């Protein structure tokens, strides 16, 4: 047993064969080597701290006390015991607190439940004049269990109410946002992904665009595209145009939305071949949304409409995006008379032809 108040006891850690230790009236707060006082005491089996002063029991003190079986603590003033303190005490069987008085702190709230739930450690908290564990703060002595419940415990009912209300509010906001601008948001996500892929894509000899024209058309109009549009544009030159057709140029095995986005963004222009079949196609509607958003973002003349047939205004008005484009942009009608088709190809080719290089460069 060691009885001392102001003696430096750091050298205790040299007693590596020590098995029993009782410290009485030792002011551990003033010990300069408190953090290493119990180091190397791997054979210590019993430790008694009687009428000692200490602020915090923490893992730094118990790190090497792997053989400790019995621990008795009688602290004169209020203290804290961190949850990490008993973790290294793998052999501990008996833990006695004599008249403990904790700091009123949420760091100590684990102790009461831990003591009640121990199976292999017999925890005794003895306070003869008080029915329950107490703590002390600036207002005085309080019931520790009541303090933990009122100050440190979350009101689960309030937490559930708050989380549910927040989730419902976010759901309502997302629903309204999707109804107001869902199509544009979806299209913008595809275009943004196209920009990001373009930033890391390897340079090609044609510049940032692999194609001159991305052709958006219904599969039912493919015959006109193959027999009329391809010869009218790709075989005319120089310079010769390169068209992107989903039936010919889309990558096999790749997601169709990714194919559409990548091909549209890899083309200088988008040519929409509008017909009644086009208006009924969901894929054509997606391609038109993507092309429209790109037109709004880049502020360049990149979208061209070609009508294969007359469509009544009433039917066109049902497709608001296309109706707005018809009112604000110049479009071409495919002439049924062969004599007028040559002029049609001239106008369309001029619209799609790549810009001539600057001779000064």
Protein backbone atom coordinates (compact mmCIF):
# COMPACT_ATOMS: atom_id res chain seq x y z
CA UNK A 1 0.00 0.00 0.00
CA UNK A 2 1.28 3.42 -0.90
CA UNK A 3 0.13 6.48 1.02
CA UNK A 4 1.19 9.75 -0.52
CA UNK A 5 -0.36 12.98 -1.70
CA UNK A 6 2.33 14.89 -3.58
CA UNK A 7 5.06 12.32 -4.31
CA UNK A 8 5.95 11.60 -7.93
CA UNK A 9 4.90 7.98 -8.45
CA UNK A 10 5.76 7.60 -12.11
CA UNK A 11 8.36 4.94 -11.25
CA UNK A 12 5.56 2.53 -10.37
CA UNK A 13 5.71 1.40 -13.98
CA UNK A 14 9.10 -0.21 -13.31
CA UNK A 15 7.57 -2.77 -10.91
CA UNK A 16 6.71 -5.16 -13.69
CA UNK A 17 6.22 -8.12 -11.29
CA UNK A 18 3.74 -6.23 -9.09
CA UNK A 19 0.48 -8.14 -8.50
CA UNK A 20 -1.31 -6.11 -5.80
CA UNK A 21 -1.41 -2.31 -5.47
CA UNK A 22 -3.35 -0.02 -3.14
CA UNK A 23 -3.04 3.75 -3.47
CA UNK A 24 -4.50 5.79 -0.63
CA UNK A 25 -5.02 9.54 -0.60
CA UNK A 26 -2.93 10.05 -3.68
CA UNK A 27 -3.65 13.20 -5.63
CA UNK A 28 -3.44 11.69 -9.11
CA UNK A 29 -4.36 15.04 -10.64
CA UNK A 30 -0.94 16.41 -9.63
CA UNK A 31 1.02 13.38 -10.84
CA UNK A 32 3.22 14.52 -13.76
CA UNK A 33 3.44 11.00 -15.20
CA UNK A 34 -0.15 9.88 -14.66
CA UNK A 35 -0.54 8.74 -18.27
CA UNK A 36 2.32 6.23 -17.90
CA UNK A 37 2.07 5.42 -14.19
CA UNK A 38 0.50 1.99 -14.76
CA UNK A 39 2.44 1.15 -17.90
CA UNK A 40 4.17 -2.26 -18.00
CA UNK A 41 2.13 -3.55 -15.03
CA UNK A 42 0.91 -6.47 -17.09
CA UNK A 43 0.86 -8.85 -14.08
CA UNK A 44 -1.14 -6.59 -11.78
CA UNK A 45 -4.23 -8.46 -10.52
CA UNK A 46 -5.68 -6.10 -7.89
CA UNK A 47 -5.81 -2.30 -7.87
CA UNK A 48 -7.41 -0.19 -5.14
CA UNK A 49 -7.69 3.58 -5.43
CA UNK A 50 -8.84 4.76 -2.00
CA UNK A 51 -9.66 8.43 -1.33
CA UNK A 52 -7.70 9.47 -4.39
CA UNK A 53 -8.33 12.49 -6.57
CA UNK A 54 -8.67 12.08 -10.33
CA UNK A 55 -10.63 13.87 -13.01
CA UNK A 56 -10.97 11.21 -15.70
CA UNK A 57 -10.57 7.45 -15.92
CA UNK A 58 -9.53 6.78 -19.50
CA UNK A 59 -7.96 4.09 -21.66
CA UNK A 60 -4.48 5.60 -21.27
CA UNK A 61 -4.48 4.43 -17.62
CA UNK A 62 -5.69 0.87 -18.21
CA UNK A 63 -3.82 0.10 -21.45
CA UNK A 64 -1.42 -2.52 -19.97
CA UNK A 65 -3.63 -3.89 -17.17
CA UNK A 66 -4.55 -7.06 -19.03
CA UNK A 67 -4.28 -9.29 -15.93
CA UNK A 68 -6.32 -7.08 -13.62
CA UNK A 69 -9.05 -9.10 -11.89
CA UNK A 70 -10.26 -6.74 -9.15
CA UNK A 71 -10.58 -2.94 -9.27
CA UNK A 72 -11.85 -0.80 -6.38
CA UNK A 73 -12.37 2.91 -6.79
CA UNK A 74 -13.16 5.45 -4.07
CA UNK A 75 -12.70 8.94 -5.45
CA UNK A 76 -13.09 11.91 -3.16
CA UNK A 77 -14.48 14.34 -5.73
CA UNK A 78 -16.61 14.08 -8.84
CA UNK A 79 -14.95 12.38 -11.82
CA UNK A 80 -15.63 11.06 -15.29
CA UNK A 81 -15.15 7.55 -16.59
CA UNK A 82 -14.82 7.24 -20.35
CA UNK A 83 -16.34 4.31 -22.21
CA UNK A 84 -12.89 3.28 -23.45
CA UNK A 85 -11.47 2.82 -19.92
CA UNK A 86 -12.60 -0.80 -19.29
CA UNK A 87 -11.86 -2.04 -22.84
CA UNK A 88 -8.25 -3.22 -22.14
CA UNK A 89 -9.34 -4.89 -18.86
CA UNK A 90 -9.96 -8.26 -20.46
CA UNK A 91 -9.48 -10.25 -17.20
CA UNK A 92 -11.58 -7.99 -14.97
CA UNK A 93 -14.10 -9.86 -12.79
CA UNK A 94 -14.90 -7.42 -9.95
CA UNK A 95 -15.42 -3.68 -10.17
CA UNK A 96 -16.34 -1.76 -7.02
CA UNK A 97 -17.31 1.90 -6.91
CA UNK A 98 -17.55 3.26 -3.35
CA UNK A 99 -19.79 6.33 -3.08
CA UNK A 100 -19.11 7.43 -6.65
CA UNK A 101 -20.05 10.90 -7.74
CA UNK A 102 -19.75 11.55 -11.44
CA UNK A 103 -19.51 14.76 -13.39
CA UNK A 104 -22.89 15.58 -14.89
CA UNK A 105 -21.72 14.93 -18.42
CA UNK A 106 -23.10 12.96 -21.33
CA UNK A 107 -19.68 11.26 -21.56
CA UNK A 108 -20.71 9.22 -18.49
CA UNK A 109 -24.19 8.15 -19.58
CA UNK A 110 -22.94 4.77 -20.81
CA UNK A 111 -21.81 3.69 -17.32
CA UNK A 112 -25.18 2.93 -15.72
CA UNK A 113 -26.44 0.77 -18.59
CA UNK A 114 -23.03 -0.90 -18.96
CA UNK A 115 -22.96 -1.82 -15.27
CA UNK A 116 -26.47 -3.31 -15.39
CA UNK A 117 -25.76 -5.28 -18.55
CA UNK A 118 -22.48 -6.95 -17.56
CA UNK A 119 -22.50 -10.74 -17.40
CA UNK A 120 -18.87 -11.70 -16.78
CA UNK A 121 -18.01 -8.67 -14.61
CA UNK A 122 -19.59 -8.18 -11.20
CA UNK A 123 -20.12 -4.44 -10.92
CA UNK A 124 -20.94 -3.06 -7.46
CA UNK A 125 -21.86 0.59 -7.06
CA UNK A 126 -22.14 1.21 -3.33
CA UNK A 127 -23.50 4.47 -1.98
CA UNK A 128 -25.05 3.90 1.49
CA UNK A 129 -26.80 7.26 1.85
CA UNK A 130 -28.23 7.56 -1.66
CA UNK A 131 -30.69 5.29 -3.43
CA UNK A 132 -29.45 6.06 -6.94
CA UNK A 133 -26.28 7.05 -8.71
CA UNK A 134 -25.71 10.80 -8.56
CA UNK A 135 -23.73 13.40 -10.43
CA UNK A 136 -22.68 16.96 -9.71
CA UNK A 137 -22.66 20.10 -11.83
CA UNK A 138 -22.73 23.85 -11.19
CA UNK A 139 -26.33 23.64 -9.93
CA UNK A 140 -25.59 20.94 -7.35
CA UNK A 141 -26.19 17.21 -6.98
CA UNK A 142 -28.60 15.52 -9.39
CA UNK A 143 -30.00 12.07 -10.00
CA UNK A 144 -27.71 10.70 -12.71
CA UNK A 145 -30.30 8.49 -14.42
CA UNK A 146 -32.77 11.38 -14.63
CA UNK A 147 -30.04 13.70 -15.92
CA UNK A 148 -29.08 11.21 -18.65
CA UNK A 149 -32.68 10.77 -19.73
CA UNK A 150 -33.54 14.46 -19.90
CA UNK A 151 -30.28 15.95 -21.16
CA UNK A 152 -28.45 13.26 -23.12
CA UNK A 153 -31.14 11.01 -24.57
CA UNK A 154 -32.70 11.83 -27.90
CA UNK A 155 -36.46 12.07 -28.04
CA UNK A 156 -37.05 9.31 -30.60
CA UNK A 157 -40.61 10.48 -31.17
CA UNK A 158 -39.38 13.93 -32.14
CA UNK A 159 -36.59 12.46 -34.27
CA UNK A 160 -39.04 10.25 -36.17
CA UNK A 161 -41.46 13.17 -36.61
CA UNK A 162 -38.68 15.44 -37.89
CA UNK A 163 -37.26 12.85 -40.30
CA UNK A 164 -40.71 11.91 -41.61
CA UNK A 165 -41.69 15.55 -42.12
CA UNK A 166 -38.40 16.35 -43.84
CA UNK A 167 -38.70 13.31 -46.11
CA UNK A 168 -42.29 14.19 -47.01
CA UNK A 169 -41.31 17.80 -47.76
CA UNK A 170 -38.43 16.69 -50.00
CA UNK A 171 -40.72 14.25 -51.79
CA UNK A 172 -43.28 17.01 -52.45
CA UNK A 173 -40.58 19.39 -53.69
CA UNK A 174 -39.12 16.76 -56.00
CA UNK A 175 -42.59 15.91 -57.33
CA UNK A 176 -43.40 19.55 -58.09
CA UNK A 177 -39.95 20.08 -59.62
CA UNK A 178 -40.35 17.01 -61.81
CA UNK A 179 -43.79 18.12 -62.98
CA UNK A 180 -42.52 21.60 -63.86
CA UNK A 181 -39.16 20.75 -65.38
CA UNK A 182 -38.73 16.98 -65.34
CA UNK A 183 -38.14 16.65 -69.07
CA UNK A 184 -35.52 19.37 -69.08
CA UNK A 185 -33.78 17.96 -66.00
CA UNK A 186 -33.58 14.50 -67.54
CA UNK A 187 -32.31 15.90 -70.80
CA UNK A 188 -29.83 18.15 -69.04
CA UNK A 189 -28.42 15.15 -67.14
CA UNK A 190 -27.82 13.34 -70.42
CA UNK A 191 -26.23 16.40 -72.01
CA UNK A 192 -24.06 17.01 -68.92
CA UNK A 193 -22.84 13.44 -69.05
CA UNK A 194 -22.06 13.97 -72.73
CA UNK A 195 -19.99 17.05 -71.89
CA UNK A 196 -18.03 15.15 -69.25
CA UNK A 197 -17.31 12.27 -71.59
CA UNK A 198 -16.31 14.72 -74.31
CA UNK A 199 -13.80 16.32 -71.95
CA UNK A 200 -11.91 13.04 -71.50
CA UNK A 201 -12.44 11.67 -74.99
CA UNK A 202 -9.39 11.26 -77.22
CA UNK A 203 -9.02 13.90 -79.93
CA UNK A 204 -10.01 12.84 -83.45
CA UNK A 205 -9.00 14.28 -86.83
CA UNK A 206 -12.50 15.69 -87.39
CA UNK A 207 -12.25 17.86 -84.30
CA UNK A 208 -14.59 17.49 -81.32
CA UNK A 209 -17.41 16.13 -83.54
CA UNK A 210 -17.38 12.66 -85.12
CA UNK A 211 -20.43 13.37 -87.30
CA UNK A 212 -21.82 16.31 -89.21
CA UNK A 213 -25.47 15.40 -88.63
CA UNK A 214 -27.34 13.24 -86.14
CA UNK A 215 -30.56 12.13 -87.84
CA UNK A 216 -33.58 11.71 -85.57
CA UNK A 217 -36.28 9.75 -87.37
CA UNK A 218 -38.93 7.10 -86.90
CA UNK A 219 -38.13 3.55 -87.95
CA UNK A 220 -41.16 3.65 -90.25
CA UNK A 221 -39.50 6.46 -92.22
CA UNK A 222 -36.20 4.61 -92.58
CA UNK A 223 -36.80 3.88 -96.26
CA UNK A 224 -36.90 7.62 -97.08
CA UNK A 225 -33.79 8.20 -94.95
CA UNK A 226 -31.81 5.45 -96.68
CA UNK A 227 -33.03 6.04 -100.25
CA UNK A 228 -33.30 9.84 -100.25
CA UNK A 229 -31.47 11.48 -97.34
CA UNK A 230 -28.23 9.47 -97.39
CA UNK A 231 -27.56 9.89 -101.14
CA UNK A 232 -28.70 13.51 -101.04
CA UNK A 233 -26.18 14.46 -98.33
CA UNK A 234 -23.37 11.91 -97.99
CA UNK A 235 -22.74 11.57 -101.74
CA UNK A 236 -22.72 15.29 -102.36
CA UNK A 237 -19.52 17.24 -101.99
CA UNK A 238 -16.85 18.08 -101.43
CA UNK A 239 -16.88 18.51 -98.54
CA UNK A 240 -18.74 15.27 -97.90
CA UNK A 241 -21.05 15.07 -94.92
CA UNK A 242 -21.09 12.20 -92.47
CA UNK A 243 -24.51 11.28 -91.06
CA UNK A 244 -25.21 9.36 -87.86
CA UNK A 245 -28.11 6.88 -88.15
CA UNK A 246 -29.22 4.71 -85.26
CA UNK A 247 -29.69 1.71 -87.55
CA UNK A 248 -26.13 1.98 -88.85
CA UNK A 249 -23.92 3.82 -86.36
CA UNK A 250 -25.19 2.98 -82.87
CA UNK A 251 -22.84 0.73 -80.87
CA UNK A 252 -24.13 -2.80 -80.35
CA UNK A 253 -24.73 -3.79 -76.74
CA UNK A 254 -24.71 -0.20 -75.49
CA UNK A 255 -27.70 1.27 -73.70
CA UNK A 256 -29.97 3.01 -76.20
CA UNK A 257 -30.19 6.23 -74.15
CA UNK A 258 -26.39 6.34 -73.94
CA UNK A 259 -26.18 5.73 -77.68
CA UNK A 260 -28.59 8.60 -78.36
CA UNK A 261 -26.80 11.01 -76.01
CA UNK A 262 -23.30 10.21 -77.24
CA UNK A 263 -24.26 10.32 -80.93
CA UNK A 264 -26.24 13.55 -80.61
CA UNK A 265 -23.46 15.31 -78.74
CA UNK A 266 -20.84 13.96 -81.17
CA UNK A 267 -22.63 15.63 -84.10
CA UNK A 268 -22.48 19.26 -85.20
CA UNK A 269 -26.20 19.32 -86.07
CA UNK A 270 -29.36 17.41 -85.28
CA UNK A 271 -31.79 16.81 -88.14
CA UNK A 272 -35.33 15.80 -87.12
CA UNK A 273 -37.31 14.05 -89.87
CA UNK A 274 -40.84 14.86 -88.74
CA UNK A 275 -43.84 12.78 -89.74
CA UNK A 276 -46.95 11.35 -88.09
CA UNK A 277 -44.88 8.32 -87.18
CA UNK A 278 -42.28 10.60 -85.59
CA UNK A 279 -44.90 12.24 -83.37
CA UNK A 280 -46.03 8.85 -82.04
CA UNK A 281 -42.51 7.60 -81.19
CA UNK A 282 -41.28 7.85 -77.58
CA UNK A 283 -37.65 7.52 -78.67
CA UNK A 284 -38.06 10.35 -81.16
CA UNK A 285 -39.61 12.44 -78.39
CA UNK A 286 -36.54 11.83 -76.21
CA UNK A 287 -34.19 12.76 -79.05
CA UNK A 288 -36.14 15.98 -79.63
CA UNK A 289 -35.94 16.88 -75.91
CA UNK A 290 -32.19 16.34 -75.86
CA UNK A 291 -31.67 18.34 -79.05
CA UNK A 292 -33.88 21.18 -77.76
CA UNK A 293 -31.99 21.44 -74.49
CA UNK A 294 -28.67 21.42 -76.30
CA UNK A 295 -29.99 24.22 -78.51
CA UNK A 296 -30.93 26.27 -75.42
CA UNK A 297 -27.62 25.64 -73.65
CA UNK A 298 -25.18 26.15 -76.52
CA UNK A 299 -27.06 29.02 -78.24
CA UNK A 300 -26.02 27.78 -81.69
CA UNK A 301 -28.05 26.96 -84.78
CA UNK A 302 -27.74 23.19 -84.43
CA UNK A 303 -31.35 21.96 -84.80
CA UNK A 304 -33.02 21.55 -88.21
CA UNK A 305 -36.56 20.31 -88.88
CA UNK A 306 -37.63 18.55 -92.08
CA UNK A 307 -41.33 17.72 -92.50
CA UNK A 308 -41.99 14.71 -94.73
CA UNK A 309 -45.72 15.41 -94.90
CA UNK A 310 -48.30 18.01 -94.00
CA UNK A 311 -49.36 17.76 -90.37
CA UNK A 312 -52.55 19.56 -89.29
CA UNK A 313 -51.92 22.37 -86.78
CA UNK A 314 -54.33 20.75 -84.32
CA UNK A 315 -52.23 17.58 -84.26
CA UNK A 316 -49.01 19.55 -84.01
CA UNK A 317 -50.26 21.62 -81.05
CA UNK A 318 -50.48 18.44 -78.97
CA UNK A 319 -46.67 18.33 -79.11
CA UNK A 320 -45.83 21.60 -77.35
CA UNK A 321 -42.07 21.49 -77.79
CA UNK A 322 -42.27 20.85 -81.53
CA UNK A 323 -45.01 23.45 -81.94
CA UNK A 324 -42.80 26.10 -80.30
CA UNK A 325 -39.89 25.18 -82.55
CA UNK A 326 -42.06 25.51 -85.68
CA UNK A 327 -43.13 28.99 -84.58
CA UNK A 328 -39.62 30.23 -83.81
CA UNK A 329 -37.39 28.45 -86.32
CA UNK A 330 -37.19 28.02 -90.09
CA UNK A 331 -37.98 24.49 -91.26
CA UNK A 332 -38.01 22.62 -94.58
CA UNK A 333 -40.85 20.70 -96.23
CA UNK A 334 -40.02 17.69 -98.38
CA UNK A 335 -41.51 18.46 -101.82
CA UNK A 336 -43.43 15.67 -103.49
CA UNK A 337 -42.74 17.08 -106.97
CA UNK A 338 -39.37 15.80 -108.30
CA UNK A 339 -38.68 19.13 -109.99
CA UNK A 340 -38.52 20.88 -106.60
CA UNK A 341 -36.37 18.33 -104.82
CA UNK A 342 -33.07 19.62 -106.23
CA UNK A 343 -33.65 23.02 -104.59
CA UNK A 344 -34.55 21.24 -101.34
CA UNK A 345 -31.20 19.44 -101.29
CA UNK A 346 -29.34 22.66 -102.06
CA UNK A 347 -30.93 24.48 -99.13
CA UNK A 348 -30.44 21.57 -96.74
CA UNK A 349 -26.82 20.95 -97.75
CA UNK A 350 -25.93 24.64 -97.31
CA UNK A 351 -27.50 24.52 -93.83
CA UNK A 352 -25.50 21.44 -92.82
CA UNK A 353 -22.19 22.03 -94.60
CA UNK A 354 -19.19 22.47 -92.29
CA UNK A 355 -17.71 25.98 -92.08
CA UNK A 356 -14.86 26.70 -94.42
CA UNK A 357 -11.44 26.89 -92.73
CA UNK A 358 -9.99 30.34 -92.15
CA UNK A 359 -7.13 30.80 -94.71
CA UNK A 360 -5.28 32.98 -92.18
CA UNK A 361 -4.87 30.01 -89.80
